[in-house]
């Protein structure tokens, strides 16, 4: 049947007399000797290569056609069974009986035994290829899953790298701005370096002149150092001479002072002795005066007045050396 549901023209021209199911195409089943003999009697032996693409294509087209016809027959039988069950199936006779003519299945078959054997071999090859392709498909599926997992991991890594790339791009922008600023600073520094270079050349010229002056000053300094050394030697000699004279003067003065001190000590001893003597005399005189004062104070008043000595005169009497 085609896509519209109508019977194919081949089905109308060549009605099917038998069905072919998958059991007939089993790899384990082999054609019987009777089938082989009939095929040998009816058709000459034709060899079909398993790798002949055109022959295999024709075989698959015929198998597809047989499958479609078989499905249509099954649908018809199914509908007929349903009609018989419901009692709605009616046979219409047109007044004449059709004579059934016996049909040989071998004569009316669209498949020969040789073609069925070729179909079995092709089916076997296809089954083996399907098994291989199944293993390949499983490997590819497993590989696909691994690749999907790897792809996800790589996608995550790519996202992380993209994020890092964006951060690096931002850092690059910042560094670019910094680089531009450094370029401006570098230009300014270049100008300053040129100015400093000019100043350095001027400073070098001043340094050379200063070195010349320094050499002159060093010569003068050496000359002055020699003069200073000579002056210091003279001063040292004068100092030693002065110290000798000073020591001599000190010794002379010391001798004079020692003589004066000895004379003073002798005078002091004599004066001290005289002072002690005068103190003794003063003490004796004072004691005698006390006795006289007491003596005169104990006399009567008349005798005192007759002697013309008053008490006041006696008390005021003192001795002065």
C-alpha atoms as a PDB file:
ATOM      1  CA  UNK A   1       0.000   0.000   0.000  1.00  0.00           C
ATOM      2  CA  UNK A   2       1.095   3.545  -0.728  1.00  0.00           C
ATOM      3  CA  UNK A   3       0.872   6.607   1.489  1.00  0.00           C
ATOM      4  CA  UNK A   4      -2.840   7.181   0.590  1.00  0.00           C
ATOM      5  CA  UNK A   5      -3.884   3.702   1.775  1.00  0.00           C
ATOM      6  CA  UNK A   6      -4.713   2.376  -1.722  1.00  0.00           C
ATOM      7  CA  UNK A   7      -3.370  -1.008  -2.936  1.00  0.00           C
ATOM      8  CA  UNK A   8      -0.207  -0.863  -4.982  1.00  0.00           C
ATOM      9  CA  UNK A   9      -0.512  -1.657  -8.680  1.00  0.00           C
ATOM     10  CA  UNK A  10       1.845  -4.632  -8.257  1.00  0.00           C
ATOM     11  CA  UNK A  11      -0.504  -6.088  -5.643  1.00  0.00           C
ATOM     12  CA  UNK A  12      -3.446  -5.792  -8.055  1.00  0.00           C
ATOM     13  CA  UNK A  13      -1.484  -7.285 -10.953  1.00  0.00           C
ATOM     14  CA  UNK A  14       0.222 -10.098  -9.029  1.00  0.00           C
ATOM     15  CA  UNK A  15      -1.977 -11.336  -6.171  1.00  0.00           C
ATOM     16  CA  UNK A  16      -0.081 -13.044  -3.331  1.00  0.00           C
ATOM     17  CA  UNK A  17      -0.537 -16.791  -3.029  1.00  0.00           C
ATOM     18  CA  UNK A  18       1.598 -17.362   0.057  1.00  0.00           C
ATOM     19  CA  UNK A  19       3.164 -15.365   2.864  1.00  0.00           C
ATOM     20  CA  UNK A  20       6.771 -15.090   3.887  1.00  0.00           C
ATOM     21  CA  UNK A  21       7.514 -14.376   7.515  1.00  0.00           C
ATOM     22  CA  UNK A  22      10.750 -13.884   9.433  1.00  0.00           C
ATOM     23  CA  UNK A  23      10.885 -17.583  10.309  1.00  0.00           C
ATOM     24  CA  UNK A  24      11.598 -18.376   6.680  1.00  0.00           C
ATOM     25  CA  UNK A  25      14.565 -15.991   6.838  1.00  0.00           C
ATOM     26  CA  UNK A  26      16.076 -17.557   9.972  1.00  0.00           C
ATOM     27  CA  UNK A  27      19.762 -18.049   9.673  1.00  0.00           C
ATOM     28  CA  UNK A  28      19.631 -21.495  11.235  1.00  0.00           C
ATOM     29  CA  UNK A  29      17.079 -22.867   8.766  1.00  0.00           C
ATOM     30  CA  UNK A  30      18.388 -24.294   5.521  1.00  0.00           C
ATOM     31  CA  UNK A  31      16.343 -25.062   2.364  1.00  0.00           C
ATOM     32  CA  UNK A  32      15.166 -28.658   2.005  1.00  0.00           C
ATOM     33  CA  UNK A  33      16.381 -30.966  -0.707  1.00  0.00           C
ATOM     34  CA  UNK A  34      12.969 -30.908  -2.403  1.00  0.00           C
ATOM     35  CA  UNK A  35      13.041 -27.107  -2.640  1.00  0.00           C
ATOM     36  CA  UNK A  36      16.554 -27.183  -3.999  1.00  0.00           C
ATOM     37  CA  UNK A  37      15.599 -29.838  -6.581  1.00  0.00           C
ATOM     38  CA  UNK A  38      12.558 -27.851  -7.686  1.00  0.00           C
ATOM     39  CA  UNK A  39      14.635 -24.709  -7.957  1.00  0.00           C
ATOM     40  CA  UNK A  40      17.207 -26.599 -10.013  1.00  0.00           C
ATOM     41  CA  UNK A  41      14.501 -27.904 -12.354  1.00  0.00           C
ATOM     42  CA  UNK A  42      12.752 -24.588 -12.836  1.00  0.00           C
ATOM     43  CA  UNK A  43      15.581 -22.040 -13.013  1.00  0.00           C
ATOM     44  CA  UNK A  44      19.153 -22.187 -14.032  1.00  0.00           C
ATOM     45  CA  UNK A  45      21.702 -21.534 -11.322  1.00  0.00           C
ATOM     46  CA  UNK A  46      22.501 -17.837 -10.975  1.00  0.00           C
ATOM     47  CA  UNK A  47      25.201 -16.563  -8.635  1.00  0.00           C
ATOM     48  CA  UNK A  48      24.489 -13.304  -6.752  1.00  0.00           C
ATOM     49  CA  UNK A  49      27.356 -11.755  -4.847  1.00  0.00           C
ATOM     50  CA  UNK A  50      26.701 -10.616  -1.303  1.00  0.00           C
ATOM     51  CA  UNK A  51      28.461  -7.359  -2.075  1.00  0.00           C
ATOM     52  CA  UNK A  52      26.541  -6.607  -5.268  1.00  0.00           C
ATOM     53  CA  UNK A  53      24.777  -3.431  -4.199  1.00  0.00           C
ATOM     54  CA  UNK A  54      22.255  -3.383  -7.026  1.00  0.00           C
ATOM     55  CA  UNK A  55      21.180  -6.999  -6.378  1.00  0.00           C
ATOM     56  CA  UNK A  56      20.940  -6.402  -2.639  1.00  0.00           C
ATOM     57  CA  UNK A  57      18.909  -3.253  -3.303  1.00  0.00           C
ATOM     58  CA  UNK A  58      16.489  -5.211  -5.511  1.00  0.00           C
ATOM     59  CA  UNK A  59      16.185  -7.905  -2.849  1.00  0.00           C
ATOM     60  CA  UNK A  60      15.396  -5.347  -0.137  1.00  0.00           C
ATOM     61  CA  UNK A  61      12.831  -3.663  -2.372  1.00  0.00           C
ATOM     62  CA  UNK A  62      11.127  -7.001  -2.974  1.00  0.00           C
ATOM     63  CA  UNK A  63      11.232  -7.779   0.752  1.00  0.00           C
ATOM     64  CA  UNK A  64       9.648  -4.383   1.448  1.00  0.00           C
ATOM     65  CA  UNK A  65       6.964  -5.097  -1.134  1.00  0.00           C
ATOM     66  CA  UNK A  66       6.289  -8.540   0.354  1.00  0.00           C
ATOM     67  CA  UNK A  67       6.079  -7.046   3.830  1.00  0.00           C
ATOM     68  CA  UNK A  68       3.539  -4.457   2.717  1.00  0.00           C
ATOM     69  CA  UNK A  69       1.460  -7.118   0.931  1.00  0.00           C
ATOM     70  CA  UNK A  70       1.596  -9.354   3.994  1.00  0.00           C
ATOM     71  CA  UNK A  71       0.405  -6.528   6.223  1.00  0.00           C
ATOM     72  CA  UNK A  72      -2.508  -5.825   3.870  1.00  0.00           C
ATOM     73  CA  UNK A  73      -3.509  -9.510   3.843  1.00  0.00           C
ATOM     74  CA  UNK A  74      -3.406  -9.581   7.610  1.00  0.00           C
ATOM     75  CA  UNK A  75      -5.600  -6.508   7.746  1.00  0.00           C
ATOM     76  CA  UNK A  76      -8.075  -8.132   5.341  1.00  0.00           C
ATOM     77  CA  UNK A  77      -8.160 -11.356   7.356  1.00  0.00           C
ATOM     78  CA  UNK A  78      -8.613  -9.385  10.520  1.00  0.00           C
ATOM     79  CA  UNK A  79     -11.534  -7.461   9.074  1.00  0.00           C
ATOM     80  CA  UNK A  80     -13.061 -10.680   7.686  1.00  0.00           C
ATOM     81  CA  UNK A  81     -12.820 -12.360  11.083  1.00  0.00           C
ATOM     82  CA  UNK A  82     -14.459  -9.374  12.709  1.00  0.00           C
ATOM     83  CA  UNK A  83     -17.287  -9.450  10.142  1.00  0.00           C
ATOM     84  CA  UNK A  84     -17.815 -13.186  10.606  1.00  0.00           C
ATOM     85  CA  UNK A  85     -17.952 -12.732  14.361  1.00  0.00           C
ATOM     86  CA  UNK A  86     -20.594 -10.048  14.059  1.00  0.00           C
ATOM     87  CA  UNK A  87     -22.634 -11.988  11.452  1.00  0.00           C
ATOM     88  CA  UNK A  88     -22.395  -9.197   8.994  1.00  0.00           C
ATOM     89  CA  UNK A  89     -20.384 -11.066   6.380  1.00  0.00           C
ATOM     90  CA  UNK A  90     -22.581 -11.808   3.310  1.00  0.00           C
ATOM     91  CA  UNK A  91     -21.613 -13.541   0.193  1.00  0.00           C
ATOM     92  CA  UNK A  92     -22.969 -12.102  -2.992  1.00  0.00           C
ATOM     93  CA  UNK A  93     -23.393 -14.485  -5.889  1.00  0.00           C
ATOM     94  CA  UNK A  94     -23.880 -13.170  -9.402  1.00  0.00           C
ATOM     95  CA  UNK A  95     -25.673 -16.289 -10.699  1.00  0.00           C
ATOM     96  CA  UNK A  96     -22.597 -17.999 -11.898  1.00  0.00           C
ATOM     97  CA  UNK A  97     -20.112 -20.103 -10.062  1.00  0.00           C
ATOM     98  CA  UNK A  98     -16.479 -19.386 -10.470  1.00  0.00           C
ATOM     99  CA  UNK A  99     -14.388 -22.403 -11.143  1.00  0.00           C
ATOM    100  CA  UNK A 100     -11.431 -22.605  -8.802  1.00  0.00           C
ATOM    101  CA  UNK A 101      -8.308 -23.418 -10.645  1.00  0.00           C
ATOM    102  CA  UNK A 102      -5.574 -25.130  -8.612  1.00  0.00           C
ATOM    103  CA  UNK A 103      -2.460 -23.007  -8.444  1.00  0.00           C
ATOM    104  CA  UNK A 104       0.992 -24.348  -7.778  1.00  0.00           C
ATOM    105  CA  UNK A 105       2.682 -22.304  -5.059  1.00  0.00           C
ATOM    106  CA  UNK A 106       6.022 -22.692  -6.780  1.00  0.00           C
ATOM    107  CA  UNK A 107       4.638 -21.399 -10.091  1.00  0.00           C
ATOM    108  CA  UNK A 108       2.816 -18.444  -8.570  1.00  0.00           C
ATOM    109  CA  UNK A 109       5.549 -17.404  -6.129  1.00  0.00           C
ATOM    110  CA  UNK A 110       7.383 -14.156  -6.760  1.00  0.00           C
ATOM    111  CA  UNK A 111      10.430 -15.421  -4.813  1.00  0.00           C
ATOM    112  CA  UNK A 112      12.533 -18.325  -5.955  1.00  0.00           C
ATOM    113  CA  UNK A 113      14.358 -20.693  -3.644  1.00  0.00           C
ATOM    114  CA  UNK A 114      17.695 -19.365  -4.818  1.00  0.00           C
ATOM    115  CA  UNK A 115      16.628 -15.823  -4.073  1.00  0.00           C
ATOM    116  CA  UNK A 116      15.457 -16.881  -0.607  1.00  0.00           C
ATOM    117  CA  UNK A 117      18.864 -18.509   0.071  1.00  0.00           C
ATOM    118  CA  UNK A 118      20.567 -15.332  -1.139  1.00  0.00           C
ATOM    119  CA  UNK A 119      18.206 -13.329   1.046  1.00  0.00           C
ATOM    120  CA  UNK A 120      19.123 -15.544   4.007  1.00  0.00           C
ATOM    121  CA  UNK A 121      22.825 -15.013   3.373  1.00  0.00           C
ATOM    122  CA  UNK A 122      22.258 -11.275   2.998  1.00  0.00           C
ATOM    123  CA  UNK A 123      20.132 -11.288   6.145  1.00  0.00           C
ATOM    124  CA  UNK A 124      22.887 -13.188   7.970  1.00  0.00           C
ATOM    125  CA  UNK A 125      25.452 -10.680   6.777  1.00  0.00           C
ATOM    126  CA  UNK A 126      23.151  -7.809   7.723  1.00  0.00           C
ATOM    127  CA  UNK A 127      22.594  -9.373  11.151  1.00  0.00           C
ATOM    128  CA  UNK A 128      26.337  -9.686  11.702  1.00  0.00           C
ATOM    129  CA  UNK A 129      26.808  -6.141  10.513  1.00  0.00           C
ATOM    130  CA  UNK A 130      23.975  -5.041  12.807  1.00  0.00           C
ATOM    131  CA  UNK A 131      25.707  -6.773  15.733  1.00  0.00           C
ATOM    132  CA  UNK A 132      28.971  -5.057  14.854  1.00  0.00           C
ATOM    133  CA  UNK A 133      27.171  -1.777  14.347  1.00  0.00           C
ATOM    134  CA  UNK A 134      25.404  -2.303  17.685  1.00  0.00           C
ATOM    135  CA  UNK A 135      28.760  -2.673  19.431  1.00  0.00           C
ATOM    136  CA  UNK A 136      30.050   0.319  17.505  1.00  0.00           C
ATOM    137  CA  UNK A 137      26.906   2.245  18.462  1.00  0.00           C
ATOM    138  CA  UNK A 138      27.376   1.271  22.137  1.00  0.00           C
ATOM    139  CA  UNK A 139      31.003   2.365  21.962  1.00  0.00           C
ATOM    140  CA  UNK A 140      29.957   5.552  20.218  1.00  0.00           C
ATOM    141  CA  UNK A 141      27.230   6.106  22.825  1.00  0.00           C
ATOM    142  CA  UNK A 142      29.724   5.592  25.627  1.00  0.00           C
ATOM    143  CA  UNK A 143      32.200   7.789  23.801  1.00  0.00           C
ATOM    144  CA  UNK A 144      29.436  10.344  23.263  1.00  0.00           C
ATOM    145  CA  UNK A 145      28.644  10.354  26.987  1.00  0.00           C
ATOM    146  CA  UNK A 146      32.326  10.750  27.784  1.00  0.00           C
ATOM    147  CA  UNK A 147      32.533  13.538  25.241  1.00  0.00           C
ATOM    148  CA  UNK A 148      29.418  15.157  26.716  1.00  0.00           C
ATOM    149  CA  UNK A 149      30.951  14.967  30.194  1.00  0.00           C
ATOM    150  CA  UNK A 150      34.225  16.300  28.820  1.00  0.00           C
ATOM    151  CA  UNK A 151      32.337  18.950  26.900  1.00  0.00           C
ATOM    152  CA  UNK A 152      30.516  20.023  30.072  1.00  0.00           C
ATOM    153  CA  UNK A 153      33.788  20.123  31.971  1.00  0.00           C
ATOM    154  CA  UNK A 154      35.409  22.022  29.134  1.00  0.00           C
ATOM    155  CA  UNK A 155      32.399  24.364  29.032  1.00  0.00           C
ATOM    156  CA  UNK A 156      32.838  25.007  32.754  1.00  0.00           C
ATOM    157  CA  UNK A 157      36.563  25.469  32.250  1.00  0.00           C
ATOM    158  CA  UNK A 158      35.813  27.720  29.275  1.00  0.00           C
ATOM    159  CA  UNK A 159      33.410  29.789  31.396  1.00  0.00           C
ATOM    160  CA  UNK A 160      36.044  30.022  34.091  1.00  0.00           C
ATOM    161  CA  UNK A 161      38.638  31.003  31.505  1.00  0.00           C
ATOM    162  CA  UNK A 162      36.256  33.499  29.960  1.00  0.00           C
ATOM    163  CA  UNK A 163      35.713  34.973  33.405  1.00  0.00           C
ATOM    164  CA  UNK A 164      39.455  35.038  33.939  1.00  0.00           C
ATOM    165  CA  UNK A 165      39.824  36.532  30.464  1.00  0.00           C
ATOM    166  CA  UNK A 166      37.349  39.276  31.313  1.00  0.00           C
ATOM    167  CA  UNK A 167      39.209  39.970  34.534  1.00  0.00           C
ATOM    168  CA  UNK A 168      42.495  39.953  32.629  1.00  0.00           C
ATOM    169  CA  UNK A 169      40.942  42.282  30.031  1.00  0.00           C
ATOM    170  CA  UNK A 170      39.902  44.660  32.803  1.00  0.00           C
ATOM    171  CA  UNK A 171      43.366  44.397  34.325  1.00  0.00           C
ATOM    172  CA  UNK A 172      44.795  44.991  30.858  1.00  0.00           C
ATOM    173  CA  UNK A 173      42.676  48.140  30.508  1.00  0.00           C
ATOM    174  CA  UNK A 174      43.915  49.327  33.874  1.00  0.00           C
ATOM    175  CA  UNK A 175      47.478  48.511  32.876  1.00  0.00           C
ATOM    176  CA  UNK A 176      46.966  50.334  29.577  1.00  0.00           C
ATOM    177  CA  UNK A 177      45.799  53.432  31.449  1.00  0.00           C
ATOM    178  CA  UNK A 178      48.761  53.030  33.791  1.00  0.00           C
ATOM    179  CA  UNK A 179      51.057  52.561  30.781  1.00  0.00           C
ATOM    180  CA  UNK A 180      49.750  55.774  29.188  1.00  0.00           C
ATOM    181  CA  UNK A 181      50.284  57.590  32.466  1.00  0.00           C
ATOM    182  CA  UNK A 182      53.773  56.112  32.702  1.00  0.00           C
ATOM    183  CA  UNK A 183      54.474  57.252  29.136  1.00  0.00           C
ATOM    184  CA  UNK A 184      53.519  60.817  30.092  1.00  0.00           C
ATOM    185  CA  UNK A 185      55.651  60.526  33.214  1.00  0.00           C
ATOM    186  CA  UNK A 186      58.451  59.082  31.081  1.00  0.00           C
ATOM    187  CA  UNK A 187      58.280  62.074  28.730  1.00  0.00           C
ATOM    188  CA  UNK A 188      58.379  64.436  31.687  1.00  0.00           C
ATOM    189  CA  UNK A 189      61.249  62.440  33.152  1.00  0.00           C
ATOM    190  CA  UNK A 190      63.036  62.643  29.771  1.00  0.00           C
ATOM    191  CA  UNK A 191      62.760  66.429  29.813  1.00  0.00           C
ATOM    192  CA  UNK A 192      63.976  66.496  33.395  1.00  0.00           C
ATOM    193  CA  UNK A 193      66.842  64.162  32.456  1.00  0.00           C
ATOM    194  CA  UNK A 194      67.873  66.520  29.652  1.00  0.00           C
ATOM    195  CA  UNK A 195      67.827  69.432  32.080  1.00  0.00           C
ATOM    196  CA  UNK A 196      69.756  67.415  34.631  1.00  0.00           C
ATOM    197  CA  UNK A 197      72.224  66.374  31.916  1.00  0.00           C
ATOM    198  CA  UNK A 198      72.862  70.019  31.104  1.00  0.00           C
ATOM    199  CA  UNK A 199      73.263  70.757  34.799  1.00  0.00           C
ATOM    200  CA  UNK A 200      75.556  67.751  35.098  1.00  0.00           C
ATOM    201  CA  UNK A 201      77.783  69.051  32.293  1.00  0.00           C
ATOM    202  CA  UNK A 202      77.907  72.432  34.022  1.00  0.00           C
ATOM    203  CA  UNK A 203      78.608  70.691  37.319  1.00  0.00           C
ATOM    204  CA  UNK A 204      81.399  68.674  35.687  1.00  0.00           C
ATOM    205  CA  UNK A 205      83.000  71.869  34.401  1.00  0.00           C
ATOM    206  CA  UNK A 206      82.687  73.367  37.869  1.00  0.00           C
ATOM    207  CA  UNK A 207      84.107  70.172  39.316  1.00  0.00           C
ATOM    208  CA  UNK A 208      87.128  70.323  37.029  1.00  0.00           C
ATOM    209  CA  UNK A 209      87.727  73.934  38.023  1.00  0.00           C
ATOM    210  CA  UNK A 210      87.203  73.018  41.661  1.00  0.00           C
ATOM    211  CA  UNK A 211      89.696  70.176  41.291  1.00  0.00           C
ATOM    212  CA  UNK A 212      92.239  72.607  39.917  1.00  0.00           C
ATOM    213  CA  UNK A 213      91.594  74.990  42.807  1.00  0.00           C
ATOM    214  CA  UNK A 214      91.767  72.054  45.172  1.00  0.00           C
ATOM    215  CA  UNK A 215      95.172  71.069  43.852  1.00  0.00           C
ATOM    216  CA  UNK A 216      96.376  74.614  44.405  1.00  0.00           C
ATOM    217  CA  UNK A 217      94.875  74.570  47.887  1.00  0.00           C
ATOM    218  CA  UNK A 218      96.516  71.232  48.574  1.00  0.00           C
ATOM    219  CA  UNK A 219      99.891  72.672  47.634  1.00  0.00           C
ATOM    220  CA  UNK A 220      99.232  75.670  49.851  1.00  0.00           C
ATOM    221  CA  UNK A 221      98.041  73.361  52.579  1.00  0.00           C
ATOM    222  CA  UNK A 222     101.185  71.270  52.368  1.00  0.00           C
ATOM    223  CA  UNK A 223     103.298  74.418  52.549  1.00  0.00           C
ATOM    224  CA  UNK A 224     101.286  75.712  55.480  1.00  0.00           C
ATOM    225  CA  UNK A 225     101.488  72.332  57.152  1.00  0.00           C
ATOM    226  CA  UNK A 226     105.274  72.437  56.937  1.00  0.00           C
ATOM    227  CA  UNK A 227     105.250  75.952  58.327  1.00  0.00           C
ATOM    228  CA  UNK A 228     102.886  74.875  61.064  1.00  0.00           C
ATOM    229  CA  UNK A 229     105.113  71.941  61.873  1.00  0.00           C
ATOM    230  CA  UNK A 230     108.131  74.213  62.146  1.00  0.00           C
ATOM    231  CA  UNK A 231     106.173  76.682  64.246  1.00  0.00           C
ATOM    232  CA  UNK A 232     104.987  73.881  66.502  1.00  0.00           C
ATOM    233  CA  UNK A 233     108.568  72.690  66.945  1.00  0.00           C
ATOM    234  CA  UNK A 234     109.633  76.215  67.840  1.00  0.00           C
ATOM    235  CA  UNK A 235     106.699  76.580  70.191  1.00  0.00           C
ATOM    236  CA  UNK A 236     107.551  73.289  71.838  1.00  0.00           C
ATOM    237  CA  UNK A 237     111.130  74.380  72.340  1.00  0.00           C
ATOM    238  CA  UNK A 238     109.979  77.707  73.737  1.00  0.00           C
ATOM    239  CA  UNK A 239     107.516  75.913  75.949  1.00  0.00           C
ATOM    240  CA  UNK A 240     110.210  73.655  77.345  1.00  0.00           C
ATOM    241  CA  UNK A 241     112.451  76.664  77.926  1.00  0.00           C
ATOM    242  CA  UNK A 242     109.633  78.513  79.596  1.00  0.00           C
ATOM    243  CA  UNK A 243     108.890  75.525  81.810  1.00  0.00           C
ATOM    244  CA  UNK A 244     112.520  75.297  82.867  1.00  0.00           C
ATOM    245  CA  UNK A 245     112.602  78.987  83.707  1.00  0.00           C
ATOM    246  CA  UNK A 246     109.305  78.718  85.487  1.00  0.00           C
ATOM    247  CA  UNK A 247     110.505  75.814  87.601  1.00  0.00           C
ATOM    248  CA  UNK A 248     113.662  77.745  88.515  1.00  0.00           C
ATOM    249  CA  UNK A 249     111.615  80.773  89.507  1.00  0.00           C
ATOM    250  CA  UNK A 250     109.252  78.618  91.531  1.00  0.00           C
ATOM    251  CA  UNK A 251     112.157  77.036  93.353  1.00  0.00           C
ATOM    252  CA  UNK A 252     113.720  80.430  94.085  1.00  0.00           C
ATOM    253  CA  UNK A 253     110.436  81.886  95.282  1.00  0.00           C
ATOM    254  CA  UNK A 254     109.797  78.795  97.335  1.00  0.00           C
ATOM    255  CA  UNK A 255     113.164  79.156  99.044  1.00  0.00           C
ATOM    256  CA  UNK A 256     112.482  82.826  99.764  1.00  0.00           C
ATOM    257  CA  UNK A 257     109.058  82.005 101.165  1.00  0.00           C
ATOM    258  CA  UNK A 258     110.454  79.224 103.288  1.00  0.00           C
ATOM    259  CA  UNK A 259     113.075  81.596 104.746  1.00  0.00           C
ATOM    260  CA  UNK A 260     110.424  84.216 105.436  1.00  0.00           C
ATOM    261  CA  UNK A 261     108.181  81.621 107.038  1.00  0.00           C
ATOM    262  CA  UNK A 262     110.999  80.395 109.285  1.00  0.00           C
ATOM    263  CA  UNK A 263     111.730  83.999 110.320  1.00  0.00           C
ATOM    264  CA  UNK A 264     108.068  84.617 110.992  1.00  0.00           C
ATOM    265  CA  UNK A 265     107.829  81.442 113.010  1.00  0.00           C
ATOM    266  CA  UNK A 266     110.795  82.566 115.155  1.00  0.00           C
ATOM    267  CA  UNK A 267     109.217  85.983 115.625  1.00  0.00           C
ATOM    268  CA  UNK A 268     105.933  84.341 116.468  1.00  0.00           C
ATOM    269  CA  UNK A 269     107.568  82.203 119.134  1.00  0.00           C
ATOM    270  CA  UNK A 270     109.240  85.223 120.734  1.00  0.00           C
ATOM    271  CA  UNK A 271     106.056  87.309 120.557  1.00  0.00           C
ATOM    272  CA  UNK A 272     104.089  84.418 122.015  1.00  0.00           C
ATOM    273  CA  UNK A 273     106.521  84.172 124.939  1.00  0.00           C
ATOM    274  CA  UNK A 274     106.288  87.904 125.534  1.00  0.00           C
ATOM    275  CA  UNK A 275     102.517  87.723 125.397  1.00  0.00           C
ATOM    276  CA  UNK A 276     102.477  84.958 127.977  1.00  0.00           C
ATOM    277  CA  UNK A 277     104.739  86.982 130.172  1.00  0.00           C
ATOM    278  CA  UNK A 278     102.509  90.031 129.902  1.00  0.00           C
ATOM    279  CA  UNK A 279      99.476  87.876 130.620  1.00  0.00           C
ATOM    280  CA  UNK A 280     101.114  86.656 133.807  1.00  0.00           C
ATOM    281  CA  UNK A 281     101.997  90.154 134.804  1.00  0.00           C
ATOM    282  CA  UNK A 282      98.534  91.366 134.001  1.00  0.00           C
ATOM    283  CA  UNK A 283      97.058  88.551 136.022  1.00  0.00           C
ATOM    284  CA  UNK A 284      99.266  89.375 139.019  1.00  0.00           C
ATOM    285  CA  UNK A 285      98.492  93.085 138.739  1.00  0.00           C
ATOM    286  CA  UNK A 286      94.778  92.469 138.452  1.00  0.00           C
ATOM    287  CA  UNK A 287      94.877  90.210 141.457  1.00  0.00           C
ATOM    288  CA  UNK A 288      96.794  92.819 143.474  1.00  0.00           C
ATOM    289  CA  UNK A 289      94.232  95.446 142.507  1.00  0.00           C
ATOM    290  CA  UNK A 290      91.449  93.211 143.708  1.00  0.00           C
ATOM    291  CA  UNK A 291      93.154  92.907 147.035  1.00  0.00           C
ATOM    292  CA  UNK A 292      93.594  96.650 147.225  1.00  0.00           C
ATOM    293  CA  UNK A 293      89.940  97.268 146.286  1.00  0.00           C
ATOM    294  CA  UNK A 294      88.801  94.873 148.945  1.00  0.00           C
ATOM    295  CA  UNK A 295      91.187  96.448 151.443  1.00  0.00           C
ATOM    296  CA  UNK A 296      90.042  99.958 150.787  1.00  0.00           C
ATOM    297  CA  UNK A 297      86.412  98.987 150.677  1.00  0.00           C
ATOM    298  CA  UNK A 298      86.689  97.418 154.113  1.00  0.00           C
ATOM    299  CA  UNK A 299      88.133 100.616 155.696  1.00  0.00           C
ATOM    300  CA  UNK A 300      85.791 103.046 157.590  1.00  0.00           C
ATOM    301  CA  UNK A 301      84.402 106.023 155.794  1.00  0.00           C
ATOM    302  CA  UNK A 302      86.146 108.654 157.977  1.00  0.00           C
ATOM    303  CA  UNK A 303      89.546 107.237 157.500  1.00  0.00           C
ATOM    304  CA  UNK A 304      88.882 106.967 153.861  1.00  0.00           C
ATOM    305  CA  UNK A 305      87.828 110.585 153.576  1.00  0.00           C
ATOM    306  CA  UNK A 306      90.824 111.628 155.565  1.00  0.00           C
ATOM    307  CA  UNK A 307      93.037 109.848 153.187  1.00  0.00           C
ATOM    308  CA  UNK A 308      91.320 111.693 150.356  1.00  0.00           C
ATOM    309  CA  UNK A 309      90.538 108.505 148.408  1.00  0.00           C
ATOM    310  CA  UNK A 310      86.999 107.780 147.448  1.00  0.00           C
ATOM    311  CA  UNK A 311      85.405 104.442 146.764  1.00  0.00           C
ATOM    312  CA  UNK A 312      84.770 105.486 143.217  1.00  0.00           C
ATOM    313  CA  UNK A 313      88.455 106.056 142.690  1.00  0.00           C
ATOM    314  CA  UNK A 314      89.246 102.595 143.968  1.00  0.00           C
ATOM    315  CA  UNK A 315      86.689 100.839 141.753  1.00  0.00           C
ATOM    316  CA  UNK A 316      87.820 102.752 138.670  1.00  0.00           C
ATOM    317  CA  UNK A 317      91.436 101.892 139.251  1.00  0.00           C
ATOM    318  CA  UNK A 318      92.714  99.450 136.662  1.00  0.00           C
ATOM    319  CA  UNK A 319      95.951  98.303 135.206  1.00  0.00           C
ATOM    320  CA  UNK A 320      96.941  98.790 131.590  1.00  0.00           C
ATOM    321  CA  UNK A 321     100.221  97.368 130.463  1.00  0.00           C
END
